[in-house]
Amino acid sequence: MSMLAETKQSKNIFKPIPIDRKNLAIMGVAFPDLATLDRAANAIGSNMYEGFEPSANHIALIRDYIMDKITFPQFVEAAKNMTHA
């Protein structure tokens, strides 16, 4: 493998997550509209660049925070405990 190929391979630090824009879902987690899905996808993508590996529970937590279903302190507590389902 060439040095360039090794460098490109090592820079692929995250694996893609399934985003279904037609059915408004990320990793199987439903979203009410495309704008909310896009906001969540952008936030998740930015964090994945920094090493975050989301689960479906993370996606639901982020969705609920974006939709004002939970407060920021609730978001932080749930993220620490991963109690959000």
Protein backbone atom coordinates (compact mmCIF):
# COMPACT_ATOMS: atom_id res chain seq x y z
CA MET A 1 0.00 0.00 0.00
CA SER A 2 1.36 3.40 -0.91
CA MET A 3 1.96 6.12 1.67
CA LEU A 4 -0.90 8.17 0.17
CA ALA A 5 -3.30 5.22 0.37
CA GLU A 6 -2.31 4.58 3.99
CA THR A 7 -2.84 8.24 4.84
CA LYS A 8 -6.27 8.32 3.20
CA GLN A 9 -7.25 5.12 4.97
CA SER A 10 -6.13 6.36 8.38
CA LYS A 11 -8.07 9.61 7.94
CA ASN A 12 -11.34 7.67 7.62
CA ILE A 13 -11.90 7.97 11.37
CA PHE A 14 -15.61 7.27 11.45
CA LYS A 15 -18.01 4.96 9.74
CA PRO A 16 -21.03 6.39 7.96
CA ILE A 17 -24.40 6.19 9.65
CA PRO A 18 -27.60 5.44 7.75
CA ILE A 19 -29.58 8.58 6.99
CA ASP A 20 -32.92 7.99 5.27
CA ARG A 21 -34.09 11.38 4.06
CA LYS A 22 -37.10 9.89 2.29
CA ASN A 23 -38.47 8.33 5.47
CA LEU A 24 -37.03 11.02 7.77
CA ALA A 25 -34.84 8.74 9.88
CA ILE A 26 -31.25 8.51 11.12
CA MET A 27 -30.15 5.05 12.26
CA GLY A 28 -33.84 4.10 12.32
CA VAL A 29 -34.77 7.00 14.63
CA ALA A 30 -37.73 8.92 13.18
CA PHE A 31 -37.78 12.69 12.76
CA PRO A 32 -40.86 14.89 12.32
CA ASP A 33 -39.49 16.87 9.38
CA LEU A 34 -36.51 17.31 7.10
CA ALA A 35 -35.28 20.49 8.82
CA THR A 36 -34.98 18.72 12.18
CA LEU A 37 -33.29 15.72 10.56
CA ASP A 38 -30.78 18.01 8.84
CA ARG A 39 -30.01 19.89 12.06
CA ALA A 40 -29.40 16.62 13.88
CA ALA A 41 -27.32 15.16 11.04
CA ASN A 42 -25.12 18.27 10.97
CA ALA A 43 -24.59 18.17 14.74
CA ILE A 44 -23.85 14.45 14.69
CA GLY A 45 -21.48 14.76 11.73
CA SER A 46 -19.51 17.53 13.40
CA ASN A 47 -19.11 15.44 16.52
CA MET A 48 -18.22 12.31 14.57
CA TYR A 49 -15.37 14.27 13.04
CA GLU A 50 -14.07 14.63 16.60
CA GLY A 51 -14.42 10.90 17.31
CA PHE A 52 -18.05 10.53 18.47
CA GLU A 53 -19.60 7.16 17.57
CA PRO A 54 -23.38 7.56 17.88
CA SER A 55 -25.90 4.89 18.74
CA ALA A 56 -29.63 5.03 18.06
CA ASN A 57 -30.11 6.20 21.67
CA HIS A 58 -27.71 9.10 21.04
CA ILE A 59 -29.66 10.02 17.91
CA ALA A 60 -32.96 10.03 19.83
CA LEU A 61 -31.41 12.14 22.58
CA ILE A 62 -30.12 14.72 20.10
CA ARG A 63 -33.47 14.76 18.26
CA ASP A 64 -35.37 15.38 21.49
CA TYR A 65 -33.04 18.19 22.51
CA ILE A 66 -33.32 19.87 19.09
CA MET A 67 -37.11 19.60 19.32
CA ASP A 68 -37.14 21.17 22.83
CA LYS A 69 -38.59 18.01 24.36
CA ILE A 70 -35.79 18.07 26.92
CA THR A 71 -33.75 20.88 28.43
CA PHE A 72 -29.98 21.24 28.11
CA PRO A 73 -29.39 20.04 31.70
CA GLN A 74 -31.59 17.00 30.96
CA PHE A 75 -29.63 16.41 27.75
CA VAL A 76 -26.31 16.50 29.60
CA GLU A 77 -27.56 14.23 32.39
CA ALA A 78 -29.00 11.71 29.93
CA ALA A 79 -25.80 11.76 27.87
CA LYS A 80 -23.75 11.09 31.00
CA ASN A 81 -26.02 8.27 32.10
CA MET A 82 -27.31 7.18 28.68
CA THR A 83 -30.69 6.68 30.33
CA HIS A 84 -32.60 8.26 27.45
CA ALA A 85 -34.54 5.74 25.36
